[in-house]
């Protein structure tokens, strides 16, 4: 037996009957010769981690635009935290950890520069709208590897697409990602907001803290363990009513005091205006798009190509392109 076949045999022996066996994957759009060492889901982890879109996450905003300090989250650190929570839940339920990790690593690949502020502005100006989960799927299916895509397994693709929005992934590993994402972003955004003096620990309603815990680690542990306890032995991913209600209340608190806080959102309007102007400029003069987007322009239209280009930008790169198009180059008189 190859190492991969040994792993697949262990999955059949060790995983829950509700888990997705890697040997039972629905496969890829373009079939590949199986790897002798890695299962199909392990292979997808590597494909995502080695992608350009994944590397760009380190320079994309999570919540705070241009934060001062090295300890604020970026889209990259958010993704890593989601993957760890997802694997912990999967392990506790004897689900396929590799599938959960692969979907977690890919779930935000399509996120815009400047966080949800960038997503909102692209949704406004892009014909047909824009959603980062749909764009994440487009990244792995169409945009990566110079237009070839990453050719991921069906189950990983569904986990990426369904981590938000109305659809639900067929696998429990894909379903748990939705909660792992929320647990990660609510709690690390609290941590960043406290670091930025937007809120203080005592601002969190006492009823929430009494249920979930008073510290960052206590809240994550409570919510993670609760999902495992509420879901074990069942074909669903669930929460206890107490933890579900407390997490929803905490999320509402964050929207009121952080996500919509003008202090936290500071330069958000300027960032959105910059993306609008970039979109208009490239639609007006699409010859300025990089060569890899010209094929998309021909096949799917100018707006689609421009949207793909801007959505893939890091914060820094978007600012550089704006300066290139709209700011006169410096000059001096000798």
C-alpha atoms as a PDB file:
ATOM      1  CA  UNK A   1       0.000   0.000   0.000  1.00  0.00           C
ATOM      2  CA  UNK A   2       1.149   3.525  -0.730  1.00  0.00           C
ATOM      3  CA  UNK A   3       1.212   6.106   2.089  1.00  0.00           C
ATOM      4  CA  UNK A   4      -1.947   7.646   0.625  1.00  0.00           C
ATOM      5  CA  UNK A   5      -3.746   4.304   0.605  1.00  0.00           C
ATOM      6  CA  UNK A   6      -2.690   3.715   4.213  1.00  0.00           C
ATOM      7  CA  UNK A   7      -4.146   7.102   5.179  1.00  0.00           C
ATOM      8  CA  UNK A   8      -7.371   6.316   3.339  1.00  0.00           C
ATOM      9  CA  UNK A   9      -7.581   2.994   5.168  1.00  0.00           C
ATOM     10  CA  UNK A  10      -7.095   4.781   8.495  1.00  0.00           C
ATOM     11  CA  UNK A  11      -9.882   7.197   7.581  1.00  0.00           C
ATOM     12  CA  UNK A  12     -12.254   4.299   6.978  1.00  0.00           C
ATOM     13  CA  UNK A  13     -11.305   2.831  10.342  1.00  0.00           C
ATOM     14  CA  UNK A  14     -11.119   5.972  12.475  1.00  0.00           C
ATOM     15  CA  UNK A  15     -13.488   8.622  11.114  1.00  0.00           C
ATOM     16  CA  UNK A  16     -17.120   9.097  12.018  1.00  0.00           C
ATOM     17  CA  UNK A  17     -19.736   7.566   9.689  1.00  0.00           C
ATOM     18  CA  UNK A  18     -20.780  11.182   9.039  1.00  0.00           C
ATOM     19  CA  UNK A  19     -17.288  12.201   7.839  1.00  0.00           C
ATOM     20  CA  UNK A  20     -16.294  12.687   4.217  1.00  0.00           C
ATOM     21  CA  UNK A  21     -13.788  10.020   3.254  1.00  0.00           C
ATOM     22  CA  UNK A  22     -11.085  11.318   0.935  1.00  0.00           C
ATOM     23  CA  UNK A  23     -11.320   8.085  -1.039  1.00  0.00           C
ATOM     24  CA  UNK A  24     -15.008   8.870  -1.664  1.00  0.00           C
ATOM     25  CA  UNK A  25     -14.501  12.395  -3.001  1.00  0.00           C
ATOM     26  CA  UNK A  26     -16.568  13.359  -6.025  1.00  0.00           C
ATOM     27  CA  UNK A  27     -13.279  14.326  -7.604  1.00  0.00           C
ATOM     28  CA  UNK A  28     -11.994  17.153  -9.757  1.00  0.00           C
ATOM     29  CA  UNK A  29     -13.225  18.790 -12.943  1.00  0.00           C
ATOM     30  CA  UNK A  30     -10.031  17.541 -14.605  1.00  0.00           C
ATOM     31  CA  UNK A  31      -9.057  14.095 -13.248  1.00  0.00           C
ATOM     32  CA  UNK A  32      -5.503  13.711 -11.935  1.00  0.00           C
ATOM     33  CA  UNK A  33      -3.328  10.707 -11.295  1.00  0.00           C
ATOM     34  CA  UNK A  34      -3.551  10.098  -7.507  1.00  0.00           C
ATOM     35  CA  UNK A  35      -0.584  11.230  -5.432  1.00  0.00           C
ATOM     36  CA  UNK A  36       1.239   8.266  -3.840  1.00  0.00           C
ATOM     37  CA  UNK A  37       1.663  10.153  -0.547  1.00  0.00           C
ATOM     38  CA  UNK A  38      -1.130  12.704  -0.122  1.00  0.00           C
ATOM     39  CA  UNK A  39      -4.875  12.214  -0.100  1.00  0.00           C
ATOM     40  CA  UNK A  40      -6.852  14.398  -2.497  1.00  0.00           C
ATOM     41  CA  UNK A  41      -7.739  16.849   0.284  1.00  0.00           C
ATOM     42  CA  UNK A  42      -4.150  17.052   1.524  1.00  0.00           C
ATOM     43  CA  UNK A  43      -3.147  17.787  -2.036  1.00  0.00           C
ATOM     44  CA  UNK A  44      -5.680  20.623  -2.174  1.00  0.00           C
ATOM     45  CA  UNK A  45      -4.210  22.160   0.985  1.00  0.00           C
ATOM     46  CA  UNK A  46      -0.853  22.348  -0.759  1.00  0.00           C
ATOM     47  CA  UNK A  47      -2.342  23.735  -3.950  1.00  0.00           C
ATOM     48  CA  UNK A  48      -4.019  26.552  -2.038  1.00  0.00           C
ATOM     49  CA  UNK A  49      -1.085  27.379   0.252  1.00  0.00           C
ATOM     50  CA  UNK A  50       1.302  27.587  -2.718  1.00  0.00           C
ATOM     51  CA  UNK A  51      -1.034  29.850  -4.721  1.00  0.00           C
ATOM     52  CA  UNK A  52      -0.395  33.526  -5.383  1.00  0.00           C
ATOM     53  CA  UNK A  53      -3.850  34.456  -4.091  1.00  0.00           C
ATOM     54  CA  UNK A  54      -3.029  32.895  -0.720  1.00  0.00           C
ATOM     55  CA  UNK A  55       0.245  34.823  -0.425  1.00  0.00           C
ATOM     56  CA  UNK A  56      -1.538  38.094  -1.146  1.00  0.00           C
ATOM     57  CA  UNK A  57      -3.764  37.637   1.926  1.00  0.00           C
ATOM     58  CA  UNK A  58      -0.942  38.891   4.152  1.00  0.00           C
ATOM     59  CA  UNK A  59      -1.372  42.400   2.703  1.00  0.00           C
ATOM     60  CA  UNK A  60      -5.182  42.517   2.753  1.00  0.00           C
ATOM     61  CA  UNK A  61      -7.179  44.265   5.468  1.00  0.00           C
ATOM     62  CA  UNK A  62      -9.171  42.249   7.972  1.00  0.00           C
ATOM     63  CA  UNK A  63     -11.039  45.068   9.782  1.00  0.00           C
ATOM     64  CA  UNK A  64      -8.713  47.988  10.476  1.00  0.00           C
ATOM     65  CA  UNK A  65      -7.363  49.919   7.493  1.00  0.00           C
ATOM     66  CA  UNK A  66      -3.618  50.547   7.642  1.00  0.00           C
ATOM     67  CA  UNK A  67      -3.347  49.674  11.349  1.00  0.00           C
ATOM     68  CA  UNK A  68      -0.276  50.856  13.214  1.00  0.00           C
ATOM     69  CA  UNK A  69       1.421  47.954  14.949  1.00  0.00           C
ATOM     70  CA  UNK A  70       2.532  44.443  14.083  1.00  0.00           C
ATOM     71  CA  UNK A  71      -0.118  42.545  16.029  1.00  0.00           C
ATOM     72  CA  UNK A  72      -3.329  43.468  14.223  1.00  0.00           C
ATOM     73  CA  UNK A  73      -4.908  40.726  12.150  1.00  0.00           C
ATOM     74  CA  UNK A  74      -4.673  40.604   8.380  1.00  0.00           C
ATOM     75  CA  UNK A  75      -6.730  38.451   6.043  1.00  0.00           C
ATOM     76  CA  UNK A  76      -3.860  35.928   6.196  1.00  0.00           C
ATOM     77  CA  UNK A  77      -3.782  35.614   9.978  1.00  0.00           C
ATOM     78  CA  UNK A  78      -7.583  35.409  10.001  1.00  0.00           C
ATOM     79  CA  UNK A  79      -7.421  32.498   7.559  1.00  0.00           C
ATOM     80  CA  UNK A  80      -4.868  30.668   9.692  1.00  0.00           C
ATOM     81  CA  UNK A  81      -6.983  31.126  12.831  1.00  0.00           C
ATOM     82  CA  UNK A  82     -10.080  29.845  11.010  1.00  0.00           C
ATOM     83  CA  UNK A  83      -8.178  26.781   9.826  1.00  0.00           C
ATOM     84  CA  UNK A  84      -7.058  25.939  13.355  1.00  0.00           C
ATOM     85  CA  UNK A  85     -10.568  26.223  14.795  1.00  0.00           C
ATOM     86  CA  UNK A  86     -11.978  24.211  11.888  1.00  0.00           C
ATOM     87  CA  UNK A  87      -9.451  21.424  12.425  1.00  0.00           C
ATOM     88  CA  UNK A  88     -10.143  21.332  16.160  1.00  0.00           C
ATOM     89  CA  UNK A  89     -13.885  20.968  15.601  1.00  0.00           C
ATOM     90  CA  UNK A  90     -13.303  18.325  12.928  1.00  0.00           C
ATOM     91  CA  UNK A  91     -10.981  16.403  15.214  1.00  0.00           C
ATOM     92  CA  UNK A  92     -13.460  16.502  18.078  1.00  0.00           C
ATOM     93  CA  UNK A  93     -16.187  15.106  15.838  1.00  0.00           C
ATOM     94  CA  UNK A  94     -13.908  12.612  14.057  1.00  0.00           C
ATOM     95  CA  UNK A  95     -14.528  14.348  10.741  1.00  0.00           C
ATOM     96  CA  UNK A  96     -11.981  14.796   7.960  1.00  0.00           C
ATOM     97  CA  UNK A  97      -9.537  17.395   9.256  1.00  0.00           C
ATOM     98  CA  UNK A  98      -7.806  17.750   5.901  1.00  0.00           C
ATOM     99  CA  UNK A  99     -11.030  18.658   4.110  1.00  0.00           C
ATOM    100  CA  UNK A 100     -11.898  21.197   6.815  1.00  0.00           C
ATOM    101  CA  UNK A 101      -8.419  22.722   6.594  1.00  0.00           C
ATOM    102  CA  UNK A 102      -8.401  22.934   2.803  1.00  0.00           C
ATOM    103  CA  UNK A 103     -11.751  24.722   2.696  1.00  0.00           C
ATOM    104  CA  UNK A 104     -10.641  27.070   5.493  1.00  0.00           C
ATOM    105  CA  UNK A 105      -7.449  28.030   3.672  1.00  0.00           C
ATOM    106  CA  UNK A 106      -9.413  28.802   0.516  1.00  0.00           C
ATOM    107  CA  UNK A 107     -12.467  30.518   1.953  1.00  0.00           C
ATOM    108  CA  UNK A 108     -11.226  34.133   1.672  1.00  0.00           C
ATOM    109  CA  UNK A 109      -8.999  33.953  -1.414  1.00  0.00           C
ATOM    110  CA  UNK A 110     -11.456  36.161  -3.294  1.00  0.00           C
ATOM    111  CA  UNK A 111     -11.655  38.875  -0.665  1.00  0.00           C
ATOM    112  CA  UNK A 112     -11.102  42.413  -1.852  1.00  0.00           C
ATOM    113  CA  UNK A 113      -8.549  44.953  -0.663  1.00  0.00           C
ATOM    114  CA  UNK A 114      -9.736  47.057   2.297  1.00  0.00           C
ATOM    115  CA  UNK A 115     -11.877  44.285   3.772  1.00  0.00           C
ATOM    116  CA  UNK A 116     -15.658  44.385   3.615  1.00  0.00           C
ATOM    117  CA  UNK A 117     -15.518  48.059   2.618  1.00  0.00           C
ATOM    118  CA  UNK A 118     -13.943  46.952  -0.646  1.00  0.00           C
ATOM    119  CA  UNK A 119     -16.462  44.153  -1.031  1.00  0.00           C
ATOM    120  CA  UNK A 120     -19.376  46.560  -0.615  1.00  0.00           C
ATOM    121  CA  UNK A 121     -18.133  48.967  -3.253  1.00  0.00           C
ATOM    122  CA  UNK A 122     -17.515  46.208  -5.822  1.00  0.00           C
ATOM    123  CA  UNK A 123     -20.981  44.854  -5.083  1.00  0.00           C
ATOM    124  CA  UNK A 124     -22.382  48.308  -5.887  1.00  0.00           C
ATOM    125  CA  UNK A 125     -20.544  48.926  -9.154  1.00  0.00           C
ATOM    126  CA  UNK A 126     -20.112  45.442 -10.625  1.00  0.00           C
ATOM    127  CA  UNK A 127     -23.025  44.444 -12.895  1.00  0.00           C
ATOM    128  CA  UNK A 128     -24.664  41.466 -11.217  1.00  0.00           C
ATOM    129  CA  UNK A 129     -23.074  42.299  -7.875  1.00  0.00           C
ATOM    130  CA  UNK A 130     -20.082  40.874  -6.029  1.00  0.00           C
ATOM    131  CA  UNK A 131     -19.668  38.492  -3.093  1.00  0.00           C
ATOM    132  CA  UNK A 132     -16.297  37.404  -1.749  1.00  0.00           C
ATOM    133  CA  UNK A 133     -17.284  33.735  -1.331  1.00  0.00           C
ATOM    134  CA  UNK A 134     -18.268  33.521  -4.990  1.00  0.00           C
ATOM    135  CA  UNK A 135     -15.048  35.299  -5.931  1.00  0.00           C
ATOM    136  CA  UNK A 136     -13.028  32.859  -3.805  1.00  0.00           C
ATOM    137  CA  UNK A 137     -14.480  29.998  -5.826  1.00  0.00           C
ATOM    138  CA  UNK A 138     -13.704  31.889  -9.022  1.00  0.00           C
ATOM    139  CA  UNK A 139     -10.105  32.325  -7.895  1.00  0.00           C
ATOM    140  CA  UNK A 140      -9.564  28.592  -7.443  1.00  0.00           C
ATOM    141  CA  UNK A 141     -11.593  27.615 -10.520  1.00  0.00           C
ATOM    142  CA  UNK A 142     -10.606  30.250 -13.071  1.00  0.00           C
ATOM    143  CA  UNK A 143      -8.004  32.801 -12.042  1.00  0.00           C
ATOM    144  CA  UNK A 144      -5.101  30.988 -10.408  1.00  0.00           C
ATOM    145  CA  UNK A 145      -2.220  29.455 -12.398  1.00  0.00           C
ATOM    146  CA  UNK A 146      -2.547  31.938 -15.253  1.00  0.00           C
ATOM    147  CA  UNK A 147      -6.170  31.036 -15.898  1.00  0.00           C
ATOM    148  CA  UNK A 148      -5.954  27.272 -15.399  1.00  0.00           C
ATOM    149  CA  UNK A 149      -7.326  27.328 -11.850  1.00  0.00           C
ATOM    150  CA  UNK A 150      -6.283  25.004  -9.044  1.00  0.00           C
ATOM    151  CA  UNK A 151      -8.599  22.152 -10.063  1.00  0.00           C
ATOM    152  CA  UNK A 152      -9.683  21.419  -6.483  1.00  0.00           C
ATOM    153  CA  UNK A 153     -11.934  18.635  -5.285  1.00  0.00           C
ATOM    154  CA  UNK A 154     -15.680  19.169  -5.358  1.00  0.00           C
ATOM    155  CA  UNK A 155     -16.027  19.048  -1.565  1.00  0.00           C
ATOM    156  CA  UNK A 156     -13.331  21.685  -1.007  1.00  0.00           C
ATOM    157  CA  UNK A 157     -14.910  23.957  -3.601  1.00  0.00           C
ATOM    158  CA  UNK A 158     -18.314  23.659  -1.958  1.00  0.00           C
ATOM    159  CA  UNK A 159     -16.838  24.418   1.456  1.00  0.00           C
ATOM    160  CA  UNK A 160     -15.256  27.574   0.068  1.00  0.00           C
ATOM    161  CA  UNK A 161     -18.436  28.737  -1.646  1.00  0.00           C
ATOM    162  CA  UNK A 162     -20.818  27.930   1.200  1.00  0.00           C
ATOM    163  CA  UNK A 163     -18.872  29.366   4.155  1.00  0.00           C
ATOM    164  CA  UNK A 164     -21.285  32.315   3.905  1.00  0.00           C
ATOM    165  CA  UNK A 165     -24.456  33.034   1.977  1.00  0.00           C
ATOM    166  CA  UNK A 166     -27.672  31.037   1.583  1.00  0.00           C
ATOM    167  CA  UNK A 167     -26.230  27.743   0.325  1.00  0.00           C
ATOM    168  CA  UNK A 168     -25.063  24.952   2.589  1.00  0.00           C
ATOM    169  CA  UNK A 169     -22.192  22.600   1.895  1.00  0.00           C
ATOM    170  CA  UNK A 170     -23.112  18.939   1.614  1.00  0.00           C
ATOM    171  CA  UNK A 171     -20.331  17.778   3.944  1.00  0.00           C
ATOM    172  CA  UNK A 172     -20.199  18.413   7.675  1.00  0.00           C
ATOM    173  CA  UNK A 173     -16.612  19.577   7.186  1.00  0.00           C
ATOM    174  CA  UNK A 174     -17.863  22.293   4.870  1.00  0.00           C
ATOM    175  CA  UNK A 175     -20.702  23.189   7.217  1.00  0.00           C
ATOM    176  CA  UNK A 176     -18.479  23.613  10.272  1.00  0.00           C
ATOM    177  CA  UNK A 177     -16.377  26.172   8.385  1.00  0.00           C
ATOM    178  CA  UNK A 178     -19.215  28.697   8.587  1.00  0.00           C
ATOM    179  CA  UNK A 179     -19.102  28.606  12.407  1.00  0.00           C
ATOM    180  CA  UNK A 180     -15.296  28.420  12.589  1.00  0.00           C
ATOM    181  CA  UNK A 181     -15.135  31.598  10.504  1.00  0.00           C
ATOM    182  CA  UNK A 182     -17.536  33.423  12.824  1.00  0.00           C
ATOM    183  CA  UNK A 183     -15.779  32.247  15.975  1.00  0.00           C
ATOM    184  CA  UNK A 184     -12.452  33.430  14.594  1.00  0.00           C
ATOM    185  CA  UNK A 185     -13.455  36.843  13.290  1.00  0.00           C
ATOM    186  CA  UNK A 186     -15.710  37.876  16.176  1.00  0.00           C
ATOM    187  CA  UNK A 187     -13.055  37.070  18.755  1.00  0.00           C
ATOM    188  CA  UNK A 188      -9.962  38.348  16.990  1.00  0.00           C
ATOM    189  CA  UNK A 189     -11.831  41.514  16.025  1.00  0.00           C
ATOM    190  CA  UNK A 190     -12.601  42.060  19.720  1.00  0.00           C
ATOM    191  CA  UNK A 191      -8.894  41.609  20.439  1.00  0.00           C
ATOM    192  CA  UNK A 192      -7.913  44.121  17.745  1.00  0.00           C
ATOM    193  CA  UNK A 193     -10.611  46.594  18.787  1.00  0.00           C
ATOM    194  CA  UNK A 194      -9.356  46.494  22.379  1.00  0.00           C
ATOM    195  CA  UNK A 195      -5.778  46.929  21.145  1.00  0.00           C
ATOM    196  CA  UNK A 196      -6.911  49.944  19.122  1.00  0.00           C
ATOM    197  CA  UNK A 197      -8.844  51.359  22.103  1.00  0.00           C
ATOM    198  CA  UNK A 198     -12.102  51.255  20.145  1.00  0.00           C
ATOM    199  CA  UNK A 199     -13.699  49.240  22.949  1.00  0.00           C
ATOM    200  CA  UNK A 200     -12.605  48.074  26.390  1.00  0.00           C
ATOM    201  CA  UNK A 201     -13.078  44.624  27.960  1.00  0.00           C
ATOM    202  CA  UNK A 202     -15.728  45.941  30.358  1.00  0.00           C
ATOM    203  CA  UNK A 203     -17.820  47.139  27.381  1.00  0.00           C
ATOM    204  CA  UNK A 204     -18.762  43.560  26.494  1.00  0.00           C
ATOM    205  CA  UNK A 205     -22.145  42.827  28.097  1.00  0.00           C
ATOM    206  CA  UNK A 206     -21.709  40.813  31.294  1.00  0.00           C
ATOM    207  CA  UNK A 207     -24.366  38.309  30.243  1.00  0.00           C
ATOM    208  CA  UNK A 208     -22.261  37.351  27.210  1.00  0.00           C
ATOM    209  CA  UNK A 209     -19.061  37.015  29.237  1.00  0.00           C
ATOM    210  CA  UNK A 210     -20.786  34.874  31.852  1.00  0.00           C
ATOM    211  CA  UNK A 211     -21.798  32.429  29.103  1.00  0.00           C
ATOM    212  CA  UNK A 212     -18.750  32.485  26.810  1.00  0.00           C
ATOM    213  CA  UNK A 213     -15.931  33.626  29.071  1.00  0.00           C
ATOM    214  CA  UNK A 214     -14.130  36.834  29.930  1.00  0.00           C
ATOM    215  CA  UNK A 215     -11.004  36.404  27.784  1.00  0.00           C
ATOM    216  CA  UNK A 216     -10.163  35.770  24.135  1.00  0.00           C
ATOM    217  CA  UNK A 217      -9.058  32.189  24.747  1.00  0.00           C
ATOM    218  CA  UNK A 218     -12.003  31.389  27.031  1.00  0.00           C
ATOM    219  CA  UNK A 219     -14.537  32.526  24.422  1.00  0.00           C
ATOM    220  CA  UNK A 220     -12.931  30.533  21.602  1.00  0.00           C
ATOM    221  CA  UNK A 221     -12.627  27.439  23.782  1.00  0.00           C
ATOM    222  CA  UNK A 222     -16.237  27.670  24.993  1.00  0.00           C
ATOM    223  CA  UNK A 223     -17.671  28.071  21.492  1.00  0.00           C
ATOM    224  CA  UNK A 224     -15.485  25.347  19.979  1.00  0.00           C
ATOM    225  CA  UNK A 225     -16.155  22.780  22.710  1.00  0.00           C
ATOM    226  CA  UNK A 226     -19.857  23.609  22.615  1.00  0.00           C
ATOM    227  CA  UNK A 227     -20.108  22.824  18.884  1.00  0.00           C
ATOM    228  CA  UNK A 228     -18.392  19.486  19.440  1.00  0.00           C
ATOM    229  CA  UNK A 229     -20.661  18.600  22.358  1.00  0.00           C
ATOM    230  CA  UNK A 230     -23.829  19.660  20.512  1.00  0.00           C
ATOM    231  CA  UNK A 231     -22.905  17.865  17.284  1.00  0.00           C
ATOM    232  CA  UNK A 232     -21.213  14.627  18.340  1.00  0.00           C
ATOM    233  CA  UNK A 233     -22.937  11.540  16.985  1.00  0.00           C
ATOM    234  CA  UNK A 234     -25.273  13.610  14.810  1.00  0.00           C
ATOM    235  CA  UNK A 235     -25.360  14.292  11.050  1.00  0.00           C
ATOM    236  CA  UNK A 236     -25.452  18.061  11.716  1.00  0.00           C
ATOM    237  CA  UNK A 237     -23.210  20.843  12.982  1.00  0.00           C
ATOM    238  CA  UNK A 238     -25.004  22.456  15.903  1.00  0.00           C
ATOM    239  CA  UNK A 239     -24.632  24.766  18.885  1.00  0.00           C
ATOM    240  CA  UNK A 240     -26.384  24.771  22.235  1.00  0.00           C
ATOM    241  CA  UNK A 241     -29.100  27.452  22.445  1.00  0.00           C
ATOM    242  CA  UNK A 242     -27.162  29.310  25.157  1.00  0.00           C
ATOM    243  CA  UNK A 243     -23.922  29.567  23.175  1.00  0.00           C
ATOM    244  CA  UNK A 244     -25.699  30.277  19.908  1.00  0.00           C
ATOM    245  CA  UNK A 245     -27.660  33.147  21.436  1.00  0.00           C
ATOM    246  CA  UNK A 246     -24.605  34.550  23.227  1.00  0.00           C
ATOM    247  CA  UNK A 247     -22.508  34.450  20.036  1.00  0.00           C
ATOM    248  CA  UNK A 248     -25.250  36.181  18.049  1.00  0.00           C
ATOM    249  CA  UNK A 249     -25.543  38.830  20.758  1.00  0.00           C
ATOM    250  CA  UNK A 250     -21.772  39.296  20.719  1.00  0.00           C
ATOM    251  CA  UNK A 251     -21.817  39.650  16.932  1.00  0.00           C
ATOM    252  CA  UNK A 252     -24.531  42.318  17.192  1.00  0.00           C
ATOM    253  CA  UNK A 253     -22.445  44.120  19.814  1.00  0.00           C
ATOM    254  CA  UNK A 254     -19.464  44.131  17.424  1.00  0.00           C
ATOM    255  CA  UNK A 255     -21.524  45.542  14.563  1.00  0.00           C
ATOM    256  CA  UNK A 256     -22.815  48.354  16.751  1.00  0.00           C
ATOM    257  CA  UNK A 257     -19.591  49.319  18.489  1.00  0.00           C
ATOM    258  CA  UNK A 258     -16.809  48.256  16.083  1.00  0.00           C
ATOM    259  CA  UNK A 259     -17.826  47.372  12.537  1.00  0.00           C
ATOM    260  CA  UNK A 260     -19.950  50.527  12.144  1.00  0.00           C
ATOM    261  CA  UNK A 261     -17.850  52.687  14.452  1.00  0.00           C
ATOM    262  CA  UNK A 262     -16.629  55.808  12.578  1.00  0.00           C
ATOM    263  CA  UNK A 263     -13.375  55.757  14.560  1.00  0.00           C
ATOM    264  CA  UNK A 264     -12.636  52.186  13.516  1.00  0.00           C
ATOM    265  CA  UNK A 265     -13.753  52.843   9.949  1.00  0.00           C
ATOM    266  CA  UNK A 266     -11.708  56.082   9.698  1.00  0.00           C
ATOM    267  CA  UNK A 267     -10.446  56.116   6.113  1.00  0.00           C
ATOM    268  CA  UNK A 268     -12.979  53.619   4.734  1.00  0.00           C
ATOM    269  CA  UNK A 269     -14.745  56.179   2.527  1.00  0.00           C
ATOM    270  CA  UNK A 270     -11.478  57.202   0.911  1.00  0.00           C
ATOM    271  CA  UNK A 271     -10.584  53.571   0.234  1.00  0.00           C
ATOM    272  CA  UNK A 272     -13.969  52.935  -1.373  1.00  0.00           C
ATOM    273  CA  UNK A 273     -13.676  56.041  -3.540  1.00  0.00           C
ATOM    274  CA  UNK A 274     -10.252  54.876  -4.663  1.00  0.00           C
ATOM    275  CA  UNK A 275     -11.621  51.496  -5.779  1.00  0.00           C
ATOM    276  CA  UNK A 276     -14.524  53.164  -7.613  1.00  0.00           C
ATOM    277  CA  UNK A 277     -12.138  55.374  -9.525  1.00  0.00           C
ATOM    278  CA  UNK A 278      -9.844  52.454 -10.341  1.00  0.00           C
ATOM    279  CA  UNK A 279     -12.811  50.458 -11.634  1.00  0.00           C
ATOM    280  CA  UNK A 280     -13.987  53.345 -13.819  1.00  0.00           C
ATOM    281  CA  UNK A 281     -10.485  53.990 -15.149  1.00  0.00           C
ATOM    282  CA  UNK A 282      -9.819  50.386 -16.182  1.00  0.00           C
ATOM    283  CA  UNK A 283     -13.274  49.976 -17.736  1.00  0.00           C
ATOM    284  CA  UNK A 284     -12.637  53.129 -19.746  1.00  0.00           C
ATOM    285  CA  UNK A 285      -9.150  52.017 -20.804  1.00  0.00           C
ATOM    286  CA  UNK A 286      -8.975  48.207 -20.495  1.00  0.00           C
ATOM    287  CA  UNK A 287      -5.720  48.062 -22.438  1.00  0.00           C
ATOM    288  CA  UNK A 288      -4.081  49.016 -19.144  1.00  0.00           C
ATOM    289  CA  UNK A 289      -5.115  45.717 -17.607  1.00  0.00           C
ATOM    290  CA  UNK A 290      -2.277  43.178 -17.193  1.00  0.00           C
ATOM    291  CA  UNK A 291      -1.967  40.553 -19.966  1.00  0.00           C
ATOM    292  CA  UNK A 292      -3.479  37.742 -17.873  1.00  0.00           C
ATOM    293  CA  UNK A 293      -6.773  39.658 -17.650  1.00  0.00           C
ATOM    294  CA  UNK A 294      -7.053  40.356 -21.358  1.00  0.00           C
ATOM    295  CA  UNK A 295      -8.357  36.854 -22.081  1.00  0.00           C
ATOM    296  CA  UNK A 296     -11.075  37.351 -19.436  1.00  0.00           C
ATOM    297  CA  UNK A 297     -11.923  40.695 -21.029  1.00  0.00           C
ATOM    298  CA  UNK A 298     -12.457  39.003 -24.386  1.00  0.00           C
ATOM    299  CA  UNK A 299     -14.324  35.963 -23.059  1.00  0.00           C
ATOM    300  CA  UNK A 300     -16.408  37.483 -20.250  1.00  0.00           C
ATOM    301  CA  UNK A 301     -16.415  41.230 -20.753  1.00  0.00           C
ATOM    302  CA  UNK A 302     -14.489  44.268 -19.572  1.00  0.00           C
ATOM    303  CA  UNK A 303     -16.304  44.669 -16.229  1.00  0.00           C
ATOM    304  CA  UNK A 304     -15.619  41.061 -15.280  1.00  0.00           C
ATOM    305  CA  UNK A 305     -11.913  41.409 -16.059  1.00  0.00           C
ATOM    306  CA  UNK A 306     -11.636  44.688 -14.151  1.00  0.00           C
ATOM    307  CA  UNK A 307     -13.498  43.253 -11.158  1.00  0.00           C
ATOM    308  CA  UNK A 308     -11.195  40.223 -11.050  1.00  0.00           C
ATOM    309  CA  UNK A 309      -8.135  42.457 -11.208  1.00  0.00           C
ATOM    310  CA  UNK A 310      -9.255  44.835  -8.466  1.00  0.00           C
ATOM    311  CA  UNK A 311     -10.585  42.080  -6.182  1.00  0.00           C
ATOM    312  CA  UNK A 312      -7.190  40.390  -6.340  1.00  0.00           C
ATOM    313  CA  UNK A 313      -5.260  43.506  -5.337  1.00  0.00           C
ATOM    314  CA  UNK A 314      -3.677  43.927  -1.943  1.00  0.00           C
ATOM    315  CA  UNK A 315      -4.280  47.188  -0.095  1.00  0.00           C
ATOM    316  CA  UNK A 316      -0.793  48.422  -0.948  1.00  0.00           C
ATOM    317  CA  UNK A 317      -1.032  47.448  -4.600  1.00  0.00           C
ATOM    318  CA  UNK A 318      -4.398  49.230  -4.966  1.00  0.00           C
ATOM    319  CA  UNK A 319      -2.874  52.423  -3.586  1.00  0.00           C
ATOM    320  CA  UNK A 320       0.090  52.090  -5.967  1.00  0.00           C
ATOM    321  CA  UNK A 321      -2.177  51.626  -8.989  1.00  0.00           C
ATOM    322  CA  UNK A 322      -4.243  54.638  -7.913  1.00  0.00           C
ATOM    323  CA  UNK A 323      -1.113  56.755  -7.630  1.00  0.00           C
ATOM    324  CA  UNK A 324       0.062  55.540 -11.021  1.00  0.00           C
ATOM    325  CA  UNK A 325      -3.228  56.487 -12.708  1.00  0.00           C
ATOM    326  CA  UNK A 326      -4.231  59.663 -10.859  1.00  0.00           C
ATOM    327  CA  UNK A 327      -1.255  61.220  -9.042  1.00  0.00           C
ATOM    328  CA  UNK A 328       1.334  63.193 -11.085  1.00  0.00           C
ATOM    329  CA  UNK A 329       4.813  61.752 -10.839  1.00  0.00           C
ATOM    330  CA  UNK A 330       7.192  63.778  -8.727  1.00  0.00           C
ATOM    331  CA  UNK A 331       9.492  66.176 -10.561  1.00  0.00           C
ATOM    332  CA  UNK A 332      12.092  68.736  -9.710  1.00  0.00           C
ATOM    333  CA  UNK A 333      13.594  71.792 -11.345  1.00  0.00           C
ATOM    334  CA  UNK A 334      17.353  71.687 -11.731  1.00  0.00           C
END
